[in-house]
Protein backbone atom coordinates (compact mmCIF):
# COMPACT_ATOMS: atom_id res chain seq x y z
CA MET A 1 -0.19 0.23 0.00
CA HIS A 2 1.27 3.54 -0.48
CA ASN A 3 1.80 5.34 2.42
CA THR A 4 2.14 9.04 1.15
CA VAL A 5 0.42 11.85 2.98
CA LEU A 6 -0.22 14.77 0.25
CA ILE A 7 -0.43 18.46 2.24
CA LEU A 8 -2.45 20.49 -0.11
CA ASP A 9 -0.14 24.35 0.68
CA PHE A 10 -2.60 27.20 0.46
CA GLY A 11 0.08 29.50 1.76
CA SER A 12 0.38 28.67 5.20
CA GLN A 13 3.45 29.83 7.17
CA TYR A 14 2.91 26.57 9.01
CA THR A 15 3.11 24.06 5.93
CA GLN A 16 6.48 23.01 6.62
CA LEU A 17 5.45 22.21 10.17
CA ILE A 18 2.67 19.80 9.52
CA ALA A 19 4.73 17.74 6.71
CA ARG A 20 7.54 17.61 9.69
CA LYS A 21 4.73 16.31 12.29
CA ILE A 22 3.85 13.81 9.68
CA ARG A 23 7.41 12.88 9.10
CA GLU A 24 8.03 12.66 12.47
CA ALA A 25 5.20 10.22 13.23
CA GLY A 26 7.11 7.88 10.62
CA VAL A 27 4.89 8.45 7.21
CA TYR A 28 6.05 10.14 4.16
CA SER A 29 4.44 13.29 3.16
CA GLU A 30 4.59 15.08 0.04
CA ILE A 31 3.87 19.43 0.11
CA HIS A 32 2.06 20.07 -3.32
CA PRO A 33 0.41 23.77 -4.12
CA PHE A 34 -3.02 23.42 -3.62
CA ASN A 35 -4.20 23.83 -7.13
CA LEU A 36 -2.33 20.18 -7.79
CA ASP A 37 -4.89 18.49 -10.55
CA MET A 38 -6.67 15.30 -9.91
CA ASN A 39 -4.10 13.53 -12.66
CA SER A 40 -1.28 14.48 -10.28
CA ILE A 41 -2.78 13.69 -7.18
CA LYS A 42 -4.04 10.29 -8.18
CA ARG A 43 -0.26 9.42 -9.89
CA ILE A 44 0.85 9.90 -6.17
CA ALA A 45 -1.45 7.94 -4.40
CA PRO A 46 -2.01 9.28 -1.13
CA LYS A 47 -3.34 7.14 1.60
CA ALA A 48 -4.64 10.85 3.28
CA ILE A 49 -4.64 14.27 2.39
CA ILE A 50 -4.25 17.52 4.76
CA LEU A 51 -5.34 20.98 3.49
CA SER A 52 -2.73 23.74 5.08
CA GLY A 53 -4.11 27.17 6.43
CA SER A 54 -3.90 30.19 4.27
CA PRO A 55 -3.82 33.83 4.79
CA PHE A 56 -6.95 34.05 2.55
CA SER A 57 -10.24 34.19 3.43
CA ILE A 58 -12.67 31.89 1.76
CA GLY A 59 -14.94 34.33 1.45
CA HIS A 60 -12.63 36.37 -0.90
CA ALA A 61 -13.14 36.09 -4.57
CA SER A 62 -9.26 35.30 -5.29
CA ALA A 63 -9.46 32.48 -2.10
CA PRO A 64 -7.68 29.39 -3.23
CA HIS A 65 -9.53 26.10 -3.90
CA PRO A 66 -8.66 22.79 -4.29
CA ASP A 67 -9.47 20.35 -6.89
CA PRO A 68 -13.23 19.62 -5.93
CA ALA A 69 -12.93 16.03 -7.73
CA ILE A 70 -10.55 15.32 -3.62
CA TRP A 71 -13.71 15.17 -1.91
CA GLN A 72 -14.80 12.35 -3.89
CA LEU A 73 -11.47 10.25 -3.51
CA GLY A 74 -12.98 8.22 -0.54
CA ILE A 75 -9.26 8.74 1.44
CA PRO A 76 -9.18 10.43 4.74
CA ILE A 77 -9.03 14.29 4.24
CA LEU A 78 -8.35 16.65 7.36
CA GLY A 79 -8.92 20.32 6.63
CA ILE A 80 -6.42 22.63 9.04
CA CYS A 81 -7.63 26.33 10.01
CA TYR A 82 -8.22 27.72 6.58
CA GLY A 83 -8.21 24.07 5.54
CA MET A 84 -11.63 23.64 7.70
CA GLN A 85 -12.73 26.85 6.33
CA LEU A 86 -12.60 25.26 2.71
CA VAL A 87 -14.27 21.66 4.38
CA GLY A 88 -17.38 23.75 5.54
CA ASN A 89 -17.52 25.73 2.91
CA GLN A 90 -17.50 22.37 0.35
CA PHE A 91 -20.22 21.12 2.27
CA GLY A 92 -22.79 23.91 3.36
CA ALA A 93 -21.50 25.40 6.35
CA LYS A 94 -21.56 29.44 6.79
CA VAL A 95 -17.74 30.78 7.11
CA ALA A 96 -17.72 34.38 7.91
CA PRO A 97 -15.21 37.23 9.39
CA ALA A 98 -14.70 36.32 13.32
CA SER A 99 -15.88 38.87 15.42
CA LYS A 100 -12.94 38.30 17.56
CA ARG A 101 -9.53 37.47 15.70
CA GLU A 102 -8.13 34.40 17.47
CA TYR A 103 -4.63 34.53 17.91
CA GLY A 104 -2.88 32.27 20.89
CA LYS A 105 -3.26 29.49 22.85
CA ALA A 106 -7.05 28.05 23.58
CA ASN A 107 -8.19 25.46 25.79
CA LEU A 108 -9.96 23.33 23.56
CA GLN A 109 -12.60 21.36 25.07
CA ILE A 110 -13.55 18.02 23.62
CA GLU A 111 -17.53 17.54 23.23
CA LYS A 112 -17.71 13.84 21.95
CA HIS A 113 -16.10 10.70 21.88
CA ASP A 114 -14.18 10.15 18.51
CA ALA A 115 -11.22 8.45 17.25
CA LEU A 116 -9.30 11.57 16.26
CA PHE A 117 -9.41 12.54 20.40
CA GLU A 118 -8.34 9.41 21.71
CA GLY A 119 -5.89 9.56 24.64
CA ILE A 120 -6.37 13.06 24.31
CA GLU A 121 -7.35 15.18 27.81
CA GLN A 122 -11.18 16.75 27.51
CA ALA A 123 -9.60 19.47 27.86
CA SER A 124 -6.16 20.49 26.33
CA GLN A 125 -4.24 23.55 25.41
CA VAL A 126 -4.35 24.28 21.25
CA TRP A 127 -2.83 26.89 19.00
CA MET A 128 -5.39 29.42 17.29
CA SER A 129 -4.35 31.79 14.24
CA HIS A 130 -7.61 33.02 12.19
CA ALA A 131 -9.81 35.92 11.31
CA ASP A 132 -12.53 33.63 9.83
CA LYS A 133 -14.82 31.23 11.22
CA ILE A 134 -17.63 28.72 10.75
CA GLU A 135 -20.30 30.23 12.25
CA GLU A 136 -23.02 27.74 10.69
CA ILE A 137 -22.38 24.33 10.88
CA ALA A 138 -23.99 22.04 7.83
CA ASP A 139 -26.10 19.12 8.89
CA ALA A 140 -23.54 17.10 7.29
CA PHE A 141 -21.31 17.43 10.17
CA GLU A 142 -20.65 16.65 13.78
CA VAL A 143 -18.96 18.98 16.17
CA LEU A 144 -16.76 17.18 18.36
CA ALA A 145 -14.64 20.03 20.36
CA HIS A 146 -14.93 23.96 21.03
CA THR A 147 -13.04 26.80 22.30
CA GLN A 148 -14.29 29.69 24.27
CA ASN A 149 -14.05 31.47 21.18
CA SER A 150 -14.70 28.88 18.40
CA PRO A 151 -18.25 27.05 18.87
CA HIS A 152 -16.84 24.48 15.96
CA ALA A 153 -13.29 24.21 16.60
CA ALA A 154 -13.26 20.18 15.68
CA PHE A 155 -15.46 18.76 13.43
CA LYS A 156 -16.27 15.44 11.34
CA HIS A 157 -18.44 14.69 8.33
CA ARG A 158 -21.11 12.29 9.06
CA GLU A 159 -20.91 10.04 6.30
CA LEU A 160 -17.22 10.66 4.62
CA PRO A 161 -13.23 10.36 6.26
CA ILE A 162 -13.40 14.27 6.47
CA TYR A 163 -12.32 15.93 9.47
CA ALA A 164 -11.75 19.57 10.21
CA LEU A 165 -9.40 21.46 12.90
CA GLN A 166 -10.20 25.22 13.31
CA PHE A 167 -6.71 25.20 15.36
CA HIS A 168 -2.70 24.08 14.63
CA PRO A 169 -1.88 20.59 15.52
CA GLU A 170 1.04 21.04 13.81
CA VAL A 171 2.50 23.99 16.27
CA HIS A 172 4.46 23.26 19.52
CA HIS A 173 1.84 25.18 21.45
CA SER A 174 -0.99 22.49 20.57
CA LEU A 175 0.39 20.58 23.08
CA CYS A 176 -2.26 17.44 21.78
CA GLY A 177 -1.44 18.47 18.35
CA LYS A 178 1.39 15.03 17.59
CA HIS A 179 -1.02 13.00 19.39
CA ILE A 180 -4.29 14.47 17.26
CA LEU A 181 -2.08 14.12 13.84
CA ALA A 182 -1.11 10.44 14.64
CA ASN A 183 -4.92 9.53 15.39
CA PHE A 184 -5.78 10.99 12.21
CA LEU A 185 -2.29 8.72 10.35
CA PHE A 186 -3.06 5.79 11.95
């Protein structure tokens, strides 16, 4: 089985950190631009896809988007920050500018048991860095965790292997981040 994790880069300052954490978990990863075409994705044959953060706002006309066919691949997808907003936008969630930009440490409160949070304390410190947030969740999703300023800090698709995190598990300040990424990978 091919064990590559494909990281689609939307311009995040943390994309290299995502790759490093994946490799530290013993899994090969490749970073490619967000607009990688489906033929190239199929040649890579990834085990999973991670959508990075971005300095863009999903509501902006020039916001970057991946090839829409990725949603039909049937492989696990993890959206991080902007990646979460892409996931939400794709399936009908309402994404809007946050009334309060969230930057820094936050206390993640796990609401629902899920394999993604297996072995994670119910309240864990995570790192936030975003100006937009999911305002209304789509019916396709189930909320897994929240923070004081982000009622939808983590969610998963009810039928597809798609997860989304508003926080950055790849940074050092997300104390449970490596564990969450390992749960996603394995």
